[in-house]
Amino acid sequence: MAETREVSRFPALNEAHEVLEYIRRTADGVPDPCGMAVGVRLGLNEMGLLREIQAELDAEGWSVRVRLRLTSPGCQYYFLFKDTLEERLTVHPQISRVVVDWDPALDWTPADLSPDAQDKLGERRRALRRSGT
């Protein structure tokens, strides 16, 4: 019975598109510390840090690969992002393997933020201006 409850905690991942969406949602549960420093909680997907995501079904379940990009060469959070995302994805009983690596291109710009993230940051900037901070 405990196993049934454990599985039902997670969404069913029967198709690759469901796995990819699950990866995006899970990545958005990993907050970017720089956004939090300015009072805005933004996840990795919202930040535009997911360069590439792949999911392939094998004999043991879904094998997942995520390629992260960084906002700048000085970003010190890659290993935090990698470890947290791997940990959160591997607890899903249908995901058998997770590989998170990084893209060395370093071509991220603020235009890569999702529209929702841009809205959140814009609202925060307006609130700070109104408060005189």
N, C-alpha and C. Protein backbone atom coordinates (compact mmCIF):
# COMPACT_ATOMS: atom_id res chain seq x y z
N MET A 1 0.82 -1.20 0.00
CA MET A 1 0.00 0.00 0.00
C MET A 1 0.86 1.26 0.00
N ALA A 2 1.97 1.23 0.74
CA ALA A 2 2.85 2.40 0.79
C ALA A 2 3.39 2.72 -0.59
N GLU A 3 3.72 1.69 -1.38
CA GLU A 3 4.24 1.92 -2.73
C GLU A 3 3.20 2.61 -3.60
N THR A 4 1.93 2.22 -3.49
CA THR A 4 0.86 2.86 -4.25
C THR A 4 0.76 4.33 -3.91
N ARG A 5 0.83 4.66 -2.63
CA ARG A 5 0.78 6.07 -2.22
C ARG A 5 1.98 6.83 -2.76
N GLU A 6 3.15 6.20 -2.74
CA GLU A 6 4.37 6.85 -3.22
C GLU A 6 4.24 7.19 -4.71
N VAL A 7 3.78 6.22 -5.51
CA VAL A 7 3.63 6.45 -6.94
C VAL A 7 2.59 7.52 -7.21
N SER A 8 1.49 7.52 -6.48
CA SER A 8 0.43 8.49 -6.73
C SER A 8 0.84 9.92 -6.35
N ARG A 9 1.91 10.07 -5.60
CA ARG A 9 2.44 11.39 -5.28
C ARG A 9 2.95 12.11 -6.52
N PHE A 10 3.27 11.34 -7.53
CA PHE A 10 3.90 11.86 -8.73
C PHE A 10 2.95 11.74 -9.92
N PRO A 11 3.05 12.67 -10.86
CA PRO A 11 2.22 12.54 -12.06
C PRO A 11 2.70 11.37 -12.91
N ALA A 12 1.77 10.73 -13.61
CA ALA A 12 2.14 9.66 -14.53
C ALA A 12 2.90 10.25 -15.71
N LEU A 13 3.98 9.60 -16.08
CA LEU A 13 4.80 10.05 -17.20
C LEU A 13 4.78 8.96 -18.27
N ASN A 14 3.75 9.01 -19.11
CA ASN A 14 3.58 7.98 -20.12
C ASN A 14 4.12 8.37 -21.48
N GLU A 15 4.20 9.65 -21.73
CA GLU A 15 4.66 10.17 -23.03
C GLU A 15 5.83 11.11 -22.81
N ALA A 16 6.69 11.22 -23.81
CA ALA A 16 7.87 12.08 -23.69
C ALA A 16 7.48 13.53 -23.38
N HIS A 17 6.41 14.04 -23.99
CA HIS A 17 6.01 15.43 -23.73
C HIS A 17 5.63 15.63 -22.26
N GLU A 18 5.08 14.59 -21.61
CA GLU A 18 4.75 14.69 -20.18
C GLU A 18 6.01 14.75 -19.34
N VAL A 19 7.02 14.00 -19.75
CA VAL A 19 8.30 14.01 -19.03
C VAL A 19 8.95 15.39 -19.18
N LEU A 20 8.96 15.93 -20.38
CA LEU A 20 9.57 17.24 -20.61
C LEU A 20 8.88 18.33 -19.81
N GLU A 21 7.56 18.27 -19.74
CA GLU A 21 6.82 19.25 -18.94
C GLU A 21 7.12 19.07 -17.46
N TYR A 22 7.22 17.84 -17.01
CA TYR A 22 7.57 17.57 -15.61
C TYR A 22 8.96 18.13 -15.29
N ILE A 23 9.90 17.97 -16.20
CA ILE A 23 11.25 18.52 -16.01
C ILE A 23 11.18 20.03 -15.88
N ARG A 24 10.42 20.69 -16.76
CA ARG A 24 10.30 22.16 -16.70
C ARG A 24 9.70 22.61 -15.37
N ARG A 25 8.62 21.93 -14.95
CA ARG A 25 7.98 22.30 -13.67
C ARG A 25 8.92 22.07 -12.50
N THR A 26 9.63 20.94 -12.53
CA THR A 26 10.58 20.63 -11.46
C THR A 26 11.70 21.66 -11.44
N ALA A 27 12.20 22.03 -12.61
CA ALA A 27 13.26 23.04 -12.70
C ALA A 27 12.79 24.38 -12.16
N ASP A 28 11.52 24.69 -12.34
CA ASP A 28 11.01 25.96 -11.79
C ASP A 28 10.86 25.91 -10.28
N GLY A 29 10.95 24.72 -9.70
CA GLY A 29 10.98 24.59 -8.24
C GLY A 29 12.37 24.79 -7.65
N VAL A 30 13.36 24.96 -8.52
CA VAL A 30 14.73 25.24 -8.09
C VAL A 30 14.95 26.74 -8.25
N PRO A 31 14.96 27.48 -7.16
CA PRO A 31 15.05 28.95 -7.27
C PRO A 31 16.45 29.43 -7.60
N ASP A 32 16.48 30.50 -8.38
CA ASP A 32 17.74 31.16 -8.69
C ASP A 32 18.09 32.11 -7.54
N PRO A 33 19.22 31.92 -6.88
CA PRO A 33 19.58 32.77 -5.74
C PRO A 33 19.70 34.25 -6.09
N CYS A 34 20.11 34.56 -7.31
CA CYS A 34 20.24 35.98 -7.67
C CYS A 34 18.87 36.66 -7.71
N GLY A 35 17.87 35.96 -8.23
CA GLY A 35 16.51 36.51 -8.22
C GLY A 35 16.01 36.68 -6.80
N MET A 36 16.28 35.70 -5.97
CA MET A 36 15.83 35.78 -4.58
C MET A 36 16.49 36.94 -3.85
N ALA A 37 17.72 37.27 -4.25
CA ALA A 37 18.44 38.39 -3.61
C ALA A 37 17.73 39.72 -3.85
N VAL A 38 17.00 39.81 -4.95
CA VAL A 38 16.25 41.05 -5.22
C VAL A 38 14.77 40.89 -4.88
N GLY A 39 14.44 39.78 -4.23
CA GLY A 39 13.07 39.59 -3.74
C GLY A 39 12.11 38.97 -4.73
N VAL A 40 12.63 38.27 -5.75
CA VAL A 40 11.78 37.63 -6.75
C VAL A 40 12.20 36.17 -6.87
N ARG A 41 11.24 35.29 -6.65
CA ARG A 41 11.54 33.85 -6.76
C ARG A 41 11.31 33.43 -8.20
N LEU A 42 12.41 33.09 -8.87
CA LEU A 42 12.35 32.62 -10.25
C LEU A 42 13.03 31.27 -10.32
N GLY A 43 12.39 30.33 -11.02
CA GLY A 43 12.97 29.01 -11.20
C GLY A 43 13.87 28.96 -12.43
N LEU A 44 14.54 27.84 -12.58
CA LEU A 44 15.51 27.68 -13.66
C LEU A 44 14.88 27.79 -15.04
N ASN A 45 13.69 27.23 -15.21
CA ASN A 45 13.01 27.33 -16.50
C ASN A 45 12.58 28.78 -16.77
N GLU A 46 11.99 29.43 -15.77
CA GLU A 46 11.60 30.83 -15.93
C GLU A 46 12.78 31.72 -16.28
N MET A 47 13.93 31.40 -15.71
CA MET A 47 15.14 32.18 -15.96
C MET A 47 15.69 31.95 -17.37
N GLY A 48 15.20 30.93 -18.06
CA GLY A 48 15.71 30.62 -19.38
C GLY A 48 17.02 29.86 -19.32
N LEU A 49 17.23 29.11 -18.24
CA LEU A 49 18.50 28.41 -18.04
C LEU A 49 18.49 26.97 -18.57
N LEU A 50 17.34 26.49 -19.03
CA LEU A 50 17.29 25.14 -19.60
C LEU A 50 17.62 25.25 -21.08
N ARG A 51 18.83 24.93 -21.43
CA ARG A 51 19.25 25.01 -22.83
C ARG A 51 18.61 23.90 -23.65
N GLU A 52 18.64 22.70 -23.09
CA GLU A 52 18.14 21.54 -23.82
C GLU A 52 17.66 20.51 -22.82
N ILE A 53 16.52 19.89 -23.11
CA ILE A 53 16.04 18.79 -22.28
C ILE A 53 15.65 17.63 -23.19
N GLN A 54 15.99 16.44 -22.74
CA GLN A 54 15.69 15.23 -23.51
C GLN A 54 15.17 14.17 -22.57
N ALA A 55 14.29 13.33 -23.09
CA ALA A 55 13.77 12.19 -22.33
C ALA A 55 13.61 11.02 -23.28
N GLU A 56 14.20 9.90 -22.90
CA GLU A 56 14.08 8.68 -23.70
C GLU A 56 13.65 7.54 -22.79
N LEU A 57 12.72 6.76 -23.28
CA LEU A 57 12.24 5.61 -22.53
C LEU A 57 13.17 4.44 -22.78
N ASP A 58 13.63 3.83 -21.68
CA ASP A 58 14.45 2.62 -21.80
C ASP A 58 13.80 1.52 -20.95
N ALA A 59 14.46 0.41 -20.81
CA ALA A 59 13.89 -0.74 -20.09
C ALA A 59 13.61 -0.45 -18.62
N GLU A 60 14.30 0.53 -18.05
CA GLU A 60 14.15 0.83 -16.62
C GLU A 60 13.27 2.03 -16.33
N GLY A 61 12.88 2.76 -17.33
CA GLY A 61 12.08 3.97 -17.13
C GLY A 61 12.57 5.07 -18.06
N TRP A 62 12.36 6.31 -17.65
CA TRP A 62 12.77 7.45 -18.46
C TRP A 62 14.21 7.85 -18.13
N SER A 63 15.00 7.97 -19.16
CA SER A 63 16.36 8.49 -19.04
C SER A 63 16.31 9.95 -19.47
N VAL A 64 16.76 10.83 -18.59
CA VAL A 64 16.60 12.27 -18.78
C VAL A 64 17.96 12.94 -18.87
N ARG A 65 18.06 13.90 -19.76
CA ARG A 65 19.26 14.73 -19.86
C ARG A 65 18.83 16.18 -19.92
N VAL A 66 19.48 16.99 -19.08
CA VAL A 66 19.20 18.42 -19.03
C VAL A 66 20.52 19.16 -19.23
N ARG A 67 20.53 20.08 -20.15
CA ARG A 67 21.71 20.91 -20.36
C ARG A 67 21.35 22.31 -19.88
N LEU A 68 22.08 22.76 -18.85
CA LEU A 68 21.85 24.08 -18.26
C LEU A 68 22.79 25.11 -18.86
N ARG A 69 22.32 26.33 -18.91
CA ARG A 69 23.22 27.42 -19.27
C ARG A 69 23.28 28.37 -18.09
N LEU A 70 24.31 29.14 -18.04
CA LEU A 70 24.53 30.06 -16.93
C LEU A 70 24.34 31.49 -17.42
N THR A 71 24.02 32.37 -16.49
CA THR A 71 23.79 33.77 -16.86
C THR A 71 25.08 34.53 -17.12
N SER A 72 26.18 34.05 -16.54
CA SER A 72 27.46 34.73 -16.74
C SER A 72 28.59 33.77 -16.41
N PRO A 73 29.80 34.08 -16.87
CA PRO A 73 30.93 33.20 -16.55
C PRO A 73 31.23 33.14 -15.05
N GLY A 74 30.82 34.15 -14.31
CA GLY A 74 31.10 34.18 -12.88
C GLY A 74 30.05 33.51 -12.02
N CYS A 75 29.02 32.94 -12.64
CA CYS A 75 27.95 32.29 -11.88
C CYS A 75 28.52 31.12 -11.09
N GLN A 76 28.30 31.15 -9.79
CA GLN A 76 28.83 30.11 -8.91
C GLN A 76 27.78 29.07 -8.51
N TYR A 77 26.62 29.12 -9.14
CA TYR A 77 25.51 28.28 -8.68
C TYR A 77 25.29 27.03 -9.53
N TYR A 78 26.11 26.79 -10.53
CA TYR A 78 25.88 25.63 -11.39
C TYR A 78 25.75 24.34 -10.58
N PHE A 79 26.67 24.07 -9.67
CA PHE A 79 26.63 22.80 -8.94
C PHE A 79 25.41 22.72 -8.02
N LEU A 80 24.99 23.84 -7.47
CA LEU A 80 23.75 23.86 -6.69
C LEU A 80 22.57 23.50 -7.59
N PHE A 81 22.50 24.13 -8.76
CA PHE A 81 21.42 23.85 -9.70
C PHE A 81 21.46 22.38 -10.12
N LYS A 82 22.61 21.89 -10.49
CA LYS A 82 22.79 20.52 -10.97
C LYS A 82 22.37 19.51 -9.91
N ASP A 83 22.93 19.64 -8.72
CA ASP A 83 22.64 18.68 -7.65
C ASP A 83 21.18 18.71 -7.25
N THR A 84 20.61 19.90 -7.12
CA THR A 84 19.21 20.01 -6.70
C THR A 84 18.28 19.45 -7.76
N LEU A 85 18.52 19.78 -9.02
CA LEU A 85 17.66 19.28 -10.09
C LEU A 85 17.77 17.76 -10.22
N GLU A 86 18.97 17.25 -10.17
CA GLU A 86 19.15 15.78 -10.23
C GLU A 86 18.42 15.10 -9.08
N GLU A 87 18.58 15.63 -7.90
CA GLU A 87 17.94 15.04 -6.72
C GLU A 87 16.42 15.05 -6.86
N ARG A 88 15.86 16.16 -7.31
CA ARG A 88 14.40 16.27 -7.41
C ARG A 88 13.82 15.43 -8.54
N LEU A 89 14.56 15.27 -9.62
CA LEU A 89 14.06 14.46 -10.72
C LEU A 89 14.17 12.96 -10.43
N THR A 90 15.24 12.54 -9.78
CA THR A 90 15.44 11.10 -9.57
C THR A 90 14.49 10.50 -8.55
N VAL A 91 13.80 11.29 -7.77
CA VAL A 91 12.84 10.70 -6.82
C VAL A 91 11.57 10.22 -7.52
N HIS A 92 11.33 10.67 -8.74
CA HIS A 92 10.15 10.20 -9.47
C HIS A 92 10.37 8.73 -9.83
N PRO A 93 9.44 7.86 -9.47
CA PRO A 93 9.65 6.42 -9.69
C PRO A 93 9.73 6.01 -11.16
N GLN A 94 9.29 6.84 -12.08
CA GLN A 94 9.37 6.49 -13.49
C GLN A 94 10.63 7.04 -14.17
N ILE A 95 11.42 7.82 -13.45
CA ILE A 95 12.66 8.35 -14.00
C ILE A 95 13.81 7.51 -13.47
N SER A 96 14.50 6.84 -14.39
CA SER A 96 15.54 5.89 -13.99
C SER A 96 16.94 6.50 -14.01
N ARG A 97 17.14 7.54 -14.80
CA ARG A 97 18.49 8.10 -14.94
C ARG A 97 18.36 9.58 -15.25
N VAL A 98 19.20 10.38 -14.59
CA VAL A 98 19.22 11.83 -14.83
C VAL A 98 20.67 12.28 -14.99
N VAL A 99 20.91 12.99 -16.06
CA VAL A 99 22.20 13.61 -16.28
C VAL A 99 21.95 15.10 -16.49
N VAL A 100 22.60 15.92 -15.66
CA VAL A 100 22.54 17.37 -15.82
C VAL A 100 23.95 17.84 -16.10
N ASP A 101 24.11 18.54 -17.22
CA ASP A 101 25.41 19.12 -17.52
C ASP A 101 25.21 20.57 -17.95
N TRP A 102 26.29 21.23 -18.30
CA TRP A 102 26.17 22.66 -18.61
C TRP A 102 26.64 22.95 -20.03
N ASP A 103 26.08 24.00 -20.55
CA ASP A 103 26.41 24.45 -21.89
C ASP A 103 27.43 25.59 -21.75
N PRO A 104 28.61 25.43 -22.31
CA PRO A 104 29.65 26.44 -22.15
C PRO A 104 29.47 27.69 -23.01
N ALA A 105 28.38 27.79 -23.76
CA ALA A 105 28.22 28.91 -24.70
C ALA A 105 28.17 30.27 -24.02
N LEU A 106 27.62 30.36 -22.81
CA LEU A 106 27.54 31.63 -22.07
C LEU A 106 26.90 32.74 -22.90
N ASP A 107 25.76 32.42 -23.51
CA ASP A 107 25.08 33.40 -24.36
C ASP A 107 23.74 33.87 -23.80
N TRP A 108 23.50 33.60 -22.51
CA TRP A 108 22.24 34.01 -21.88
C TRP A 108 22.15 35.53 -21.84
N THR A 109 20.95 36.06 -22.09
CA THR A 109 20.67 37.49 -21.92
C THR A 109 19.33 37.62 -21.20
N PRO A 110 19.02 38.79 -20.66
CA PRO A 110 17.71 38.96 -20.01
C PRO A 110 16.53 38.67 -20.94
N ALA A 111 16.73 38.74 -22.23
CA ALA A 111 15.66 38.40 -23.18
C ALA A 111 15.27 36.92 -23.09
N ASP A 112 16.12 36.10 -22.48
CA ASP A 112 15.83 34.68 -22.32
C ASP A 112 14.88 34.39 -21.15
N LEU A 113 14.61 35.38 -20.33
CA LEU A 113 13.64 35.22 -19.25
C LEU A 113 12.26 34.93 -19.85
N SER A 114 11.49 34.09 -19.19
CA SER A 114 10.12 33.85 -19.65
C SER A 114 9.31 35.14 -19.48
N PRO A 115 8.22 35.28 -20.23
CA PRO A 115 7.36 36.46 -20.05
C PRO A 115 6.90 36.63 -18.60
N ASP A 116 6.56 35.51 -17.93
CA ASP A 116 6.14 35.61 -16.52
C ASP A 116 7.27 36.13 -15.65
N ALA A 117 8.49 35.67 -15.90
CA ALA A 117 9.63 36.14 -15.11
C ALA A 117 9.88 37.62 -15.37
N GLN A 118 9.75 38.04 -16.61
CA GLN A 118 9.92 39.46 -16.93
C GLN A 118 8.87 40.30 -16.20
N ASP A 119 7.65 39.79 -16.17
CA ASP A 119 6.58 40.50 -15.44
C ASP A 119 6.88 40.59 -13.95
N LYS A 120 7.32 39.49 -13.35
CA LYS A 120 7.65 39.48 -11.91
C LYS A 120 8.76 40.48 -11.59
N LEU A 121 9.80 40.47 -12.42
CA LEU A 121 10.91 41.41 -12.19
C LEU A 121 10.47 42.85 -12.39
N GLY A 122 9.66 43.08 -13.42
CA GLY A 122 9.15 44.44 -13.66
C GLY A 122 8.31 44.94 -12.50
N GLU A 123 7.45 44.07 -11.97
CA GLU A 123 6.62 44.46 -10.82
C GLU A 123 7.50 44.75 -9.60
N ARG A 124 8.50 43.95 -9.39
CA ARG A 124 9.40 44.17 -8.25
C ARG A 124 10.13 45.50 -8.40
N ARG A 125 10.61 45.81 -9.58
CA ARG A 125 11.29 47.10 -9.81
C ARG A 125 10.34 48.27 -9.56
N ARG A 126 9.11 48.14 -10.03
CA ARG A 126 8.12 49.21 -9.79
C ARG A 126 7.85 49.37 -8.30
N ALA A 127 7.72 48.25 -7.59
CA ALA A 127 7.47 48.31 -6.14
C ALA A 127 8.63 48.97 -5.42
N LEU A 128 9.86 48.65 -5.83
CA LEU A 128 11.03 49.27 -5.21
C LEU A 128 11.08 50.77 -5.48
N ARG A 129 10.74 51.16 -6.69
CA ARG A 129 10.71 52.60 -7.01
C ARG A 129 9.67 53.33 -6.18
N ARG A 130 8.49 52.71 -6.04
CA ARG A 130 7.41 53.33 -5.25
C ARG A 130 7.82 53.48 -3.78
N SER A 131 8.56 52.51 -3.28
CA SER A 131 8.95 52.55 -1.87
C SER A 131 10.19 53.41 -1.64
N GLY A 132 10.84 53.83 -2.72
CA GLY A 132 12.05 54.65 -2.58
C GLY A 132 13.28 53.85 -2.25
N THR A 133 13.22 52.53 -2.39
CA THR A 133 14.37 51.68 -2.08
C THR A 133 15.30 51.58 -3.26
